[in-house]
Amino acid sequence: MSDPHPRPLAAIDADLHSCRTVRRDAERELAEVRRRQEELADLEAVLLVTIDTRTRLVDHLLDERLRTVPGPAARLPATTVPRRRLTPLG
Protein backbone atom coordinates (compact mmCIF):
# COMPACT_ATOMS: atom_id res chain seq x y z
CA MET A 1 0.00 0.00 0.00
CA SER A 2 1.21 3.47 -0.78
CA ASP A 3 1.33 6.22 1.79
CA PRO A 4 -1.61 8.60 1.23
CA HIS A 5 0.64 11.53 2.22
CA PRO A 6 3.98 11.24 0.45
CA ARG A 7 6.96 12.90 2.07
CA PRO A 8 8.35 16.06 0.58
CA LEU A 9 11.15 15.58 -1.93
CA ALA A 10 13.54 17.60 0.24
CA ALA A 11 13.06 15.17 3.16
CA ILE A 12 13.74 12.17 0.92
CA ASP A 13 16.85 13.87 -0.50
CA ALA A 14 18.08 14.64 3.02
CA ASP A 15 17.67 10.98 4.01
CA LEU A 16 19.51 9.89 0.83
CA HIS A 17 22.36 12.27 1.59
CA SER A 18 22.55 11.05 5.18
CA CYS A 19 22.60 7.39 4.13
CA ARG A 20 25.29 8.03 1.52
CA THR A 21 27.41 9.91 4.06
CA VAL A 22 27.14 7.10 6.60
CA ARG A 23 27.95 4.51 3.94
CA ARG A 24 30.98 6.47 2.67
CA ASP A 25 32.28 6.90 6.25
CA ALA A 26 31.80 3.20 6.94
CA GLU A 27 33.74 2.33 3.76
CA ARG A 28 36.61 4.58 4.89
CA GLU A 29 36.64 2.97 8.33
CA LEU A 30 36.64 -0.48 6.74
CA ALA A 31 39.61 0.48 4.56
CA GLU A 32 41.46 1.69 7.67
CA VAL A 33 40.69 -1.54 9.54
CA ARG A 34 41.99 -3.58 6.61
CA ARG A 35 45.16 -1.46 6.44
CA ARG A 36 45.78 -1.99 10.15
CA GLN A 37 45.17 -5.72 9.78
CA GLU A 38 47.85 -5.85 7.09
CA GLU A 39 50.27 -4.01 9.38
CA LEU A 40 49.49 -6.40 12.21
CA ALA A 41 49.95 -9.41 9.94
CA ASP A 42 53.37 -8.06 8.91
CA LEU A 43 54.31 -7.49 12.54
CA GLU A 44 53.10 -10.99 13.44
CA ALA A 45 55.33 -12.48 10.74
CA VAL A 46 58.36 -10.56 12.03
CA LEU A 47 57.68 -11.65 15.60
CA LEU A 48 57.24 -15.29 14.60
CA VAL A 49 60.56 -15.23 12.75
CA THR A 50 62.24 -13.61 15.76
CA ILE A 51 60.81 -16.22 18.13
CA ASP A 52 61.82 -19.07 15.83
CA THR A 53 65.33 -17.69 15.35
CA ARG A 54 65.89 -17.19 19.07
CA THR A 55 64.46 -20.62 19.88
CA ARG A 56 66.91 -22.21 17.44
CA LEU A 57 69.76 -20.20 18.93
CA VAL A 58 68.81 -21.28 22.46
CA ASP A 59 68.71 -24.91 21.31
CA HIS A 60 72.12 -24.53 19.67
CA LEU A 61 73.60 -22.91 22.78
CA LEU A 62 72.17 -25.62 25.03
CA ASP A 63 73.62 -28.31 22.74
CA GLU A 64 76.97 -26.51 22.76
CA ARG A 65 76.87 -26.30 26.53
CA LEU A 66 76.15 -30.04 26.82
CA ARG A 67 79.18 -30.81 24.62
CA THR A 68 81.53 -29.01 26.98
CA VAL A 69 82.79 -30.67 30.14
CA PRO A 70 81.25 -28.65 32.93
CA GLY A 71 83.40 -28.04 35.95
CA PRO A 72 81.94 -27.09 39.33
CA ALA A 73 82.05 -23.38 38.48
CA ALA A 74 80.46 -23.91 35.05
CA ARG A 75 77.14 -25.18 36.32
CA LEU A 76 74.09 -23.12 35.67
CA PRO A 77 73.17 -21.05 38.70
CA ALA A 78 70.11 -22.23 40.54
CA THR A 79 67.22 -19.87 40.19
CA THR A 80 65.55 -19.29 43.48
CA VAL A 81 62.66 -17.04 44.11
CA PRO A 82 62.68 -15.45 47.53
CA ARG A 83 59.61 -16.32 49.52
CA ARG A 84 57.44 -13.51 50.73
CA ARG A 85 55.35 -13.82 53.80
CA LEU A 86 51.68 -13.34 53.17
CA THR A 87 49.99 -10.81 55.36
CA PRO A 88 46.25 -10.76 55.93
CA LEU A 89 44.28 -8.12 54.10
CA GLY A 90 42.44 -5.61 56.10
PDB file of N, CA and C in Angstrom:
ATOM      1  N   MET A   1       0.839  -1.183   0.000  1.00  0.00           N
ATOM      2  CA  MET A   1       0.000   0.000   0.000  1.00  0.00           C
ATOM      3  C   MET A   1       0.883   1.245   0.000  1.00  0.00           C
ATOM      4  N   SER A   2       0.452   2.223  -0.728  1.00  0.00           N
ATOM      5  CA  SER A   2       1.208   3.465  -0.776  1.00  0.00           C
ATOM      6  C   SER A   2       0.723   4.409   0.311  1.00  0.00           C
ATOM      7  N   ASP A   3       1.648   5.255   0.740  1.00  0.00           N
ATOM      8  CA  ASP A   3       1.332   6.224   1.785  1.00  0.00           C
ATOM      9  C   ASP A   3       0.437   7.307   1.176  1.00  0.00           C
ATOM     10  N   PRO A   4      -0.712   7.596   1.806  1.00  0.00           N
ATOM     11  CA  PRO A   4      -1.611   8.601   1.228  1.00  0.00           C
ATOM     12  C   PRO A   4      -0.989  10.005   1.255  1.00  0.00           C
ATOM     13  N   HIS A   5      -0.016  10.225   2.128  1.00  0.00           N
ATOM     14  CA  HIS A   5       0.636  11.532   2.220  1.00  0.00           C
ATOM     15  C   HIS A   5       2.130  11.350   1.978  1.00  0.00           C
ATOM     16  N   PRO A   6       2.562  11.431   0.738  1.00  0.00           N
ATOM     17  CA  PRO A   6       3.984  11.236   0.452  1.00  0.00           C
ATOM     18  C   PRO A   6       4.835  12.331   1.109  1.00  0.00           C
ATOM     19  N   ARG A   7       6.047  11.946   1.442  1.00  0.00           N
ATOM     20  CA  ARG A   7       6.962  12.903   2.074  1.00  0.00           C
ATOM     21  C   ARG A   7       7.441  13.917   1.043  1.00  0.00           C
ATOM     22  N   PRO A   8       7.810  15.062   1.514  1.00  0.00           N
ATOM     23  CA  PRO A   8       8.350  16.063   0.578  1.00  0.00           C
ATOM     24  C   PRO A   8       9.672  15.568  -0.018  1.00  0.00           C
ATOM     25  N   LEU A   9       9.940  15.982  -1.226  1.00  0.00           N
ATOM     26  CA  LEU A   9      11.148  15.580  -1.929  1.00  0.00           C
ATOM     27  C   LEU A   9      12.407  15.994  -1.161  1.00  0.00           C
ATOM     28  N   ALA A  10      12.385  17.125  -0.521  1.00  0.00           N
ATOM     29  CA  ALA A  10      13.545  17.599   0.240  1.00  0.00           C
ATOM     30  C   ALA A  10      13.863  16.652   1.397  1.00  0.00           C
ATOM     31  N   ALA A  11      12.840  16.107   2.051  1.00  0.00           N
ATOM     32  CA  ALA A  11      13.059  15.168   3.159  1.00  0.00           C
ATOM     33  C   ALA A  11      13.677  13.868   2.647  1.00  0.00           C
ATOM     34  N   ILE A  12      13.190  13.397   1.510  1.00  0.00           N
ATOM     35  CA  ILE A  12      13.740  12.172   0.915  1.00  0.00           C
ATOM     36  C   ILE A  12      15.197  12.400   0.519  1.00  0.00           C
ATOM     37  N   ASP A  13      15.476  13.556  -0.106  1.00  0.00           N
ATOM     38  CA  ASP A  13      16.852  13.871  -0.499  1.00  0.00           C
ATOM     39  C   ASP A  13      17.770  13.978   0.715  1.00  0.00           C
ATOM     40  N   ALA A  14      17.281  14.533   1.796  1.00  0.00           N
ATOM     41  CA  ALA A  14      18.078  14.642   3.021  1.00  0.00           C
ATOM     42  C   ALA A  14      18.413  13.255   3.563  1.00  0.00           C
ATOM     43  N   ASP A  15      17.427  12.348   3.554  1.00  0.00           N
ATOM     44  CA  ASP A  15      17.674  10.975   4.007  1.00  0.00           C
ATOM     45  C   ASP A  15      18.683  10.266   3.093  1.00  0.00           C
ATOM     46  N   LEU A  16      18.552  10.476   1.779  1.00  0.00           N
ATOM     47  CA  LEU A  16      19.507   9.887   0.833  1.00  0.00           C
ATOM     48  C   LEU A  16      20.923  10.392   1.110  1.00  0.00           C
ATOM     49  N   HIS A  17      21.046  11.688   1.309  1.00  0.00           N
ATOM     50  CA  HIS A  17      22.356  12.274   1.591  1.00  0.00           C
ATOM     51  C   HIS A  17      22.940  11.700   2.881  1.00  0.00           C
ATOM     52  N   SER A  18      22.106  11.594   3.895  1.00  0.00           N
ATOM     53  CA  SER A  18      22.554  11.052   5.182  1.00  0.00           C
ATOM     54  C   SER A  18      23.016   9.602   5.037  1.00  0.00           C
ATOM     55  N   CYS A  19      22.238   8.796   4.332  1.00  0.00           N
ATOM     56  CA  CYS A  19      22.603   7.387   4.134  1.00  0.00           C
ATOM     57  C   CYS A  19      23.899   7.260   3.342  1.00  0.00           C
ATOM     58  N   ARG A  20      24.058   8.077   2.322  1.00  0.00           N
ATOM     59  CA  ARG A  20      25.287   8.029   1.521  1.00  0.00           C
ATOM     60  C   ARG A  20      26.502   8.453   2.348  1.00  0.00           C
ATOM     61  N   THR A  21      26.310   9.450   3.199  1.00  0.00           N
ATOM     62  CA  THR A  21      27.410   9.906   4.055  1.00  0.00           C
ATOM     63  C   THR A  21      27.821   8.815   5.033  1.00  0.00           C
ATOM     64  N   VAL A  22      26.841   8.174   5.656  1.00  0.00           N
ATOM     65  CA  VAL A  22      27.139   7.097   6.601  1.00  0.00           C
ATOM     66  C   VAL A  22      27.833   5.947   5.879  1.00  0.00           C
ATOM     67  N   ARG A  23      27.349   5.606   4.706  1.00  0.00           N
ATOM     68  CA  ARG A  23      27.955   4.508   3.936  1.00  0.00           C
ATOM     69  C   ARG A  23      29.393   4.839   3.546  1.00  0.00           C
ATOM     70  N   ARG A  24      29.630   6.052   3.073  1.00  0.00           N
ATOM     71  CA  ARG A  24      30.982   6.470   2.675  1.00  0.00           C
ATOM     72  C   ARG A  24      31.928   6.445   3.885  1.00  0.00           C
ATOM     73  N   ASP A  25      31.453   6.925   5.037  1.00  0.00           N
ATOM     74  CA  ASP A  25      32.275   6.905   6.253  1.00  0.00           C
ATOM     75  C   ASP A  25      32.585   5.473   6.689  1.00  0.00           C
ATOM     76  N   ALA A  26      31.595   4.600   6.570  1.00  0.00           N
ATOM     77  CA  ALA A  26      31.805   3.195   6.939  1.00  0.00           C
ATOM     78  C   ALA A  26      32.820   2.539   5.998  1.00  0.00           C
ATOM     79  N   GLU A  27      32.764   2.870   4.716  1.00  0.00           N
ATOM     80  CA  GLU A  27      33.736   2.327   3.761  1.00  0.00           C
ATOM     81  C   GLU A  27      35.150   2.805   4.089  1.00  0.00           C
ATOM     82  N   ARG A  28      35.289   4.065   4.491  1.00  0.00           N
ATOM     83  CA  ARG A  28      36.609   4.584   4.888  1.00  0.00           C
ATOM     84  C   ARG A  28      37.122   3.860   6.133  1.00  0.00           C
ATOM     85  N   GLU A  29      36.246   3.677   7.103  1.00  0.00           N
ATOM     86  CA  GLU A  29      36.638   2.969   8.326  1.00  0.00           C
ATOM     87  C   GLU A  29      37.053   1.532   8.013  1.00  0.00           C
ATOM     88  N   LEU A  30      36.303   0.885   7.127  1.00  0.00           N
ATOM     89  CA  LEU A  30      36.638  -0.483   6.736  1.00  0.00           C
ATOM     90  C   LEU A  30      38.011  -0.533   6.066  1.00  0.00           C
ATOM     91  N   ALA A  31      38.294   0.428   5.213  1.00  0.00           N
ATOM     92  CA  ALA A  31      39.607   0.481   4.563  1.00  0.00           C
ATOM     93  C   ALA A  31      40.710   0.660   5.607  1.00  0.00           C
ATOM     94  N   GLU A  32      40.472   1.487   6.611  1.00  0.00           N
ATOM     95  CA  GLU A  32      41.460   1.693   7.672  1.00  0.00           C
ATOM     96  C   GLU A  32      41.667   0.418   8.491  1.00  0.00           C
ATOM     97  N   VAL A  33      40.587  -0.276   8.795  1.00  0.00           N
ATOM     98  CA  VAL A  33      40.691  -1.541   9.536  1.00  0.00           C
ATOM     99  C   VAL A  33      41.503  -2.549   8.733  1.00  0.00           C
ATOM    100  N   ARG A  34      41.250  -2.636   7.454  1.00  0.00           N
ATOM    101  CA  ARG A  34      41.992  -3.579   6.607  1.00  0.00           C
ATOM    102  C   ARG A  34      43.474  -3.206   6.530  1.00  0.00           C
ATOM    103  N   ARG A  35      43.768  -1.909   6.463  1.00  0.00           N
ATOM    104  CA  ARG A  35      45.164  -1.465   6.436  1.00  0.00           C
ATOM    105  C   ARG A  35      45.865  -1.849   7.735  1.00  0.00           C
ATOM    106  N   ARG A  36      45.187  -1.636   8.852  1.00  0.00           N
ATOM    107  CA  ARG A  36      45.780  -1.994  10.147  1.00  0.00           C
ATOM    108  C   ARG A  36      45.968  -3.502  10.270  1.00  0.00           C
ATOM    109  N   GLN A  37      45.028  -4.266   9.747  1.00  0.00           N
ATOM    110  CA  GLN A  37      45.167  -5.722   9.783  1.00  0.00           C
ATOM    111  C   GLN A  37      46.396  -6.163   8.996  1.00  0.00           C
ATOM    112  N   GLU A  38      46.654  -5.521   7.870  1.00  0.00           N
ATOM    113  CA  GLU A  38      47.848  -5.848   7.086  1.00  0.00           C
ATOM    114  C   GLU A  38      49.109  -5.527   7.877  1.00  0.00           C
ATOM    115  N   GLU A  39      49.114  -4.375   8.560  1.00  0.00           N
ATOM    116  CA  GLU A  39      50.270  -4.007   9.382  1.00  0.00           C
ATOM    117  C   GLU A  39      50.477  -5.021  10.501  1.00  0.00           C
ATOM    118  N   LEU A  40      49.379  -5.426  11.130  1.00  0.00           N
ATOM    119  CA  LEU A  40      49.486  -6.403  12.214  1.00  0.00           C
ATOM    120  C   LEU A  40      49.956  -7.757  11.695  1.00  0.00           C
ATOM    121  N   ALA A  41      49.502  -8.139  10.516  1.00  0.00           N
ATOM    122  CA  ALA A  41      49.952  -9.411   9.935  1.00  0.00           C
ATOM    123  C   ALA A  41      51.448  -9.361   9.646  1.00  0.00           C
ATOM    124  N   ASP A  42      51.930  -8.212   9.151  1.00  0.00           N
ATOM    125  CA  ASP A  42      53.370  -8.062   8.909  1.00  0.00           C
ATOM    126  C   ASP A  42      54.146  -8.136  10.216  1.00  0.00           C
ATOM    127  N   LEU A  43      53.645  -7.461  11.238  1.00  0.00           N
ATOM    128  CA  LEU A  43      54.308  -7.492  12.543  1.00  0.00           C
ATOM    129  C   LEU A  43      54.296  -8.901  13.120  1.00  0.00           C
ATOM    130  N   GLU A  44      53.185  -9.608  12.960  1.00  0.00           N
ATOM    131  CA  GLU A  44      53.096 -10.990  13.439  1.00  0.00           C
ATOM    132  C   GLU A  44      54.159 -11.858  12.767  1.00  0.00           C
ATOM    133  N   ALA A  45      54.330 -11.683  11.467  1.00  0.00           N
ATOM    134  CA  ALA A  45      55.330 -12.475  10.743  1.00  0.00           C
ATOM    135  C   ALA A  45      56.733 -12.191  11.265  1.00  0.00           C
ATOM    136  N   VAL A  46      57.034 -10.925  11.502  1.00  0.00           N
ATOM    137  CA  VAL A  46      58.357 -10.560  12.029  1.00  0.00           C
ATOM    138  C   VAL A  46      58.563 -11.176  13.407  1.00  0.00           C
ATOM    139  N   LEU A  47      57.554 -11.101  14.252  1.00  0.00           N
ATOM    140  CA  LEU A  47      57.677 -11.654  15.602  1.00  0.00           C
ATOM    141  C   LEU A  47      57.827 -13.169  15.576  1.00  0.00           C
ATOM    142  N   LEU A  48      57.110 -13.838  14.703  1.00  0.00           N
ATOM    143  CA  LEU A  48      57.240 -15.290  14.596  1.00  0.00           C
ATOM    144  C   LEU A  48      58.640 -15.692  14.143  1.00  0.00           C
ATOM    145  N   VAL A  49      59.192 -14.943  13.199  1.00  0.00           N
ATOM    146  CA  VAL A  49      60.560 -15.229  12.751  1.00  0.00           C
ATOM    147  C   VAL A  49      61.541 -14.991  13.891  1.00  0.00           C
ATOM    148  N   THR A  50      61.356 -13.908  14.630  1.00  0.00           N
ATOM    149  CA  THR A  50      62.236 -13.611  15.765  1.00  0.00           C
ATOM    150  C   THR A  50      62.175 -14.712  16.809  1.00  0.00           C
ATOM    151  N   ILE A  51      60.976 -15.150  17.140  1.00  0.00           N
ATOM    152  CA  ILE A  51      60.812 -16.219  18.134  1.00  0.00           C
ATOM    153  C   ILE A  51      61.470 -17.499  17.642  1.00  0.00           C
ATOM    154  N   ASP A  52      61.235 -17.851  16.386  1.00  0.00           N
ATOM    155  CA  ASP A  52      61.821 -19.073  15.832  1.00  0.00           C
ATOM    156  C   ASP A  52      63.344 -18.998  15.823  1.00  0.00           C
ATOM    157  N   THR A  53      63.879 -17.864  15.398  1.00  0.00           N
ATOM    158  CA  THR A  53      65.335 -17.694  15.347  1.00  0.00           C
ATOM    159  C   THR A  53      65.944 -17.811  16.735  1.00  0.00           C
ATOM    160  N   ARG A  54      65.355 -17.149  17.705  1.00  0.00           N
ATOM    161  CA  ARG A  54      65.891 -17.195  19.072  1.00  0.00           C
ATOM    162  C   ARG A  54      65.732 -18.582  19.685  1.00  0.00           C
ATOM    163  N   THR A  55      64.653 -19.265  19.369  1.00  0.00           N
ATOM    164  CA  THR A  55      64.464 -20.623  19.877  1.00  0.00           C
ATOM    165  C   THR A  55      65.550 -21.539  19.330  1.00  0.00           C
ATOM    166  N   ARG A  56      65.842 -21.404  18.040  1.00  0.00           N
ATOM    167  CA  ARG A  56      66.907 -22.212  17.436  1.00  0.00           C
ATOM    168  C   ARG A  56      68.263 -21.882  18.055  1.00  0.00           C
ATOM    169  N   LEU A  57      68.503 -20.600  18.318  1.00  0.00           N
ATOM    170  CA  LEU A  57      69.764 -20.201  18.930  1.00  0.00           C
ATOM    171  C   LEU A  57      69.877 -20.755  20.344  1.00  0.00           C
ATOM    172  N   VAL A  58      68.796 -20.706  21.107  1.00  0.00           N
ATOM    173  CA  VAL A  58      68.806 -21.280  22.460  1.00  0.00           C
ATOM    174  C   VAL A  58      69.099 -22.768  22.386  1.00  0.00           C
ATOM    175  N   ASP A  59      68.447 -23.476  21.467  1.00  0.00           N
ATOM    176  CA  ASP A  59      68.707 -24.912  21.309  1.00  0.00           C
ATOM    177  C   ASP A  59      70.175 -25.171  20.966  1.00  0.00           C
ATOM    178  N   HIS A  60      70.717 -24.373  20.055  1.00  0.00           N
ATOM    179  CA  HIS A  60      72.118 -24.527  19.669  1.00  0.00           C
ATOM    180  C   HIS A  60      73.037 -24.282  20.870  1.00  0.00           C
ATOM    181  N   LEU A  61      72.762 -23.228  21.621  1.00  0.00           N
ATOM    182  CA  LEU A  61      73.604 -22.915  22.778  1.00  0.00           C
ATOM    183  C   LEU A  61      73.507 -23.993  23.855  1.00  0.00           C
ATOM    184  N   LEU A  62      72.314 -24.534  24.051  1.00  0.00           N
ATOM    185  CA  LEU A  62      72.171 -25.617  25.029  1.00  0.00           C
ATOM    186  C   LEU A  62      72.934 -26.860  24.569  1.00  0.00           C
ATOM    187  N   ASP A  63      72.848 -27.175  23.266  1.00  0.00           N
ATOM    188  CA  ASP A  63      73.622 -28.308  22.736  1.00  0.00           C
ATOM    189  C   ASP A  63      75.120 -28.065  22.905  1.00  0.00           C
ATOM    190  N   GLU A  64      75.556 -26.850  22.604  1.00  0.00           N
ATOM    191  CA  GLU A  64      76.971 -26.512  22.755  1.00  0.00           C
ATOM    192  C   GLU A  64      77.399 -26.644  24.212  1.00  0.00           C
ATOM    193  N   ARG A  65      76.554 -26.215  25.106  1.00  0.00           N
ATOM    194  CA  ARG A  65      76.868 -26.304  26.535  1.00  0.00           C
ATOM    195  C   ARG A  65      76.981 -27.756  26.983  1.00  0.00           C
ATOM    196  N   LEU A  66      76.098 -28.620  26.456  1.00  0.00           N
ATOM    197  CA  LEU A  66      76.153 -30.039  26.818  1.00  0.00           C
ATOM    198  C   LEU A  66      77.427 -30.705  26.301  1.00  0.00           C
ATOM    199  N   ARG A  67      77.967 -30.222  25.179  1.00  0.00           N
ATOM    200  CA  ARG A  67      79.182 -30.814  24.616  1.00  0.00           C
ATOM    201  C   ARG A  67      80.437 -30.446  25.402  1.00  0.00           C
ATOM    202  N   THR A  68      80.368 -29.391  26.172  1.00  0.00           N
ATOM    203  CA  THR A  68      81.532 -29.006  26.976  1.00  0.00           C
ATOM    204  C   THR A  68      81.517 -29.792  28.270  1.00  0.00           C
ATOM    205  N   VAL A  69      82.688 -29.956  28.858  1.00  0.00           N
ATOM    206  CA  VAL A  69      82.786 -30.667  30.136  1.00  0.00           C
ATOM    207  C   VAL A  69      82.607 -29.634  31.235  1.00  0.00           C
ATOM    208  N   PRO A  70      81.484 -29.676  31.907  1.00  0.00           N
ATOM    209  CA  PRO A  70      81.254 -28.654  32.926  1.00  0.00           C
ATOM    210  C   PRO A  70      82.042 -28.940  34.202  1.00  0.00           C
ATOM    211  N   GLY A  71      82.739 -27.950  34.657  1.00  0.00           N
ATOM    212  CA  GLY A  71      83.398 -28.037  35.953  1.00  0.00           C
ATOM    213  C   GLY A  71      82.442 -27.517  37.010  1.00  0.00           C
ATOM    214  N   PRO A  72      82.845 -27.552  38.272  1.00  0.00           N
ATOM    215  CA  PRO A  72      81.941 -27.092  39.330  1.00  0.00           C
ATOM    216  C   PRO A  72      81.519 -25.635  39.153  1.00  0.00           C
ATOM    217  N   ALA A  73      82.397 -24.790  38.636  1.00  0.00           N
ATOM    218  CA  ALA A  73      82.046 -23.381  38.483  1.00  0.00           C
ATOM    219  C   ALA A  73      81.225 -23.131  37.224  1.00  0.00           C
ATOM    220  N   ALA A  74      81.156 -24.103  36.325  1.00  0.00           N
ATOM    221  CA  ALA A  74      80.464 -23.905  35.054  1.00  0.00           C
ATOM    222  C   ALA A  74      78.997 -24.297  35.108  1.00  0.00           C
ATOM    223  N   ARG A  75      78.547 -24.783  36.222  1.00  0.00           N
ATOM    224  CA  ARG A  75      77.141 -25.179  36.316  1.00  0.00           C
ATOM    225  C   ARG A  75      76.236 -23.958  36.227  1.00  0.00           C
ATOM    226  N   LEU A  76      75.067 -24.201  35.720  1.00  0.00           N
ATOM    227  CA  LEU A  76      74.093 -23.119  35.672  1.00  0.00           C
ATOM    228  C   LEU A  76      73.702 -22.733  37.087  1.00  0.00           C
ATOM    229  N   PRO A  77      73.584 -21.458  37.357  1.00  0.00           N
ATOM    230  CA  PRO A  77      73.175 -21.055  38.699  1.00  0.00           C
ATOM    231  C   PRO A  77      71.730 -21.463  38.952  1.00  0.00           C
ATOM    232  N   ALA A  78      71.477 -21.870  40.175  1.00  0.00           N
ATOM    233  CA  ALA A  78      70.105 -22.233  40.539  1.00  0.00           C
ATOM    234  C   ALA A  78      69.286 -20.959  40.626  1.00  0.00           C
ATOM    235  N   THR A  79      68.093 -21.040  40.093  1.00  0.00           N
ATOM    236  CA  THR A  79      67.222 -19.870  40.187  1.00  0.00           C
ATOM    237  C   THR A  79      66.296 -20.077  41.362  1.00  0.00           C
ATOM    238  N   THR A  80      66.416 -19.215  42.308  1.00  0.00           N
ATOM    239  CA  THR A  80      65.549 -19.294  43.478  1.00  0.00           C
ATOM    240  C   THR A  80      64.756 -18.014  43.565  1.00  0.00           C
ATOM    241  N   VAL A  81      63.538 -18.181  43.928  1.00  0.00           N
ATOM    242  CA  VAL A  81      62.657 -17.037  44.106  1.00  0.00           C
ATOM    243  C   VAL A  81      62.494 -16.832  45.600  1.00  0.00           C
ATOM    244  N   PRO A  82      62.838 -15.662  46.096  1.00  0.00           N
ATOM    245  CA  PRO A  82      62.685 -15.451  47.533  1.00  0.00           C
ATOM    246  C   PRO A  82      61.222 -15.540  47.931  1.00  0.00           C
ATOM    247  N   ARG A  83      60.992 -16.173  49.038  1.00  0.00           N
ATOM    248  CA  ARG A  83      59.611 -16.315  49.516  1.00  0.00           C
ATOM    249  C   ARG A  83      59.200 -15.065  50.269  1.00  0.00           C
ATOM    250  N   ARG A  84      57.986 -14.658  50.013  1.00  0.00           N
ATOM    251  CA  ARG A  84      57.444 -13.506  50.727  1.00  0.00           C
ATOM    252  C   ARG A  84      56.378 -14.002  51.678  1.00  0.00           C
ATOM    253  N   ARG A  85      56.384 -13.437  52.839  1.00  0.00           N
ATOM    254  CA  ARG A  85      55.352 -13.816  53.805  1.00  0.00           C
ATOM    255  C   ARG A  85      54.054 -13.134  53.420  1.00  0.00           C
ATOM    256  N   LEU A  86      52.987 -13.900  53.471  1.00  0.00           N
ATOM    257  CA  LEU A  86      51.677 -13.344  53.168  1.00  0.00           C
ATOM    258  C   LEU A  86      51.122 -12.685  54.412  1.00  0.00           C
ATOM    259  N   THR A  87      50.607 -11.509  54.234  1.00  0.00           N
ATOM    260  CA  THR A  87      49.986 -10.810  55.356  1.00  0.00           C
ATOM    261  C   THR A  87      48.501 -10.721  55.089  1.00  0.00           C
ATOM    262  N   PRO A  88      47.701 -10.816  56.135  1.00  0.00           N
ATOM    263  CA  PRO A  88      46.251 -10.759  55.929  1.00  0.00           C
ATOM    264  C   PRO A  88      45.826  -9.377  55.434  1.00  0.00           C
ATOM    265  N   LEU A  89      44.827  -9.382  54.595  1.00  0.00           N
ATOM    266  CA  LEU A  89      44.277  -8.125  54.104  1.00  0.00           C
ATOM    267  C   LEU A  89      43.396  -7.513  55.176  1.00  0.00           C
ATOM    268  N   GLY A  90      43.379  -6.237  55.203  1.00  0.00           N
ATOM    269  CA  GLY A  90      42.436  -5.609  56.103  1.00  0.00           C
ATOM    270  C   GLY A  90      43.099  -4.848  57.128  1.00  0.00           C
TER     271      GLY A  90
END
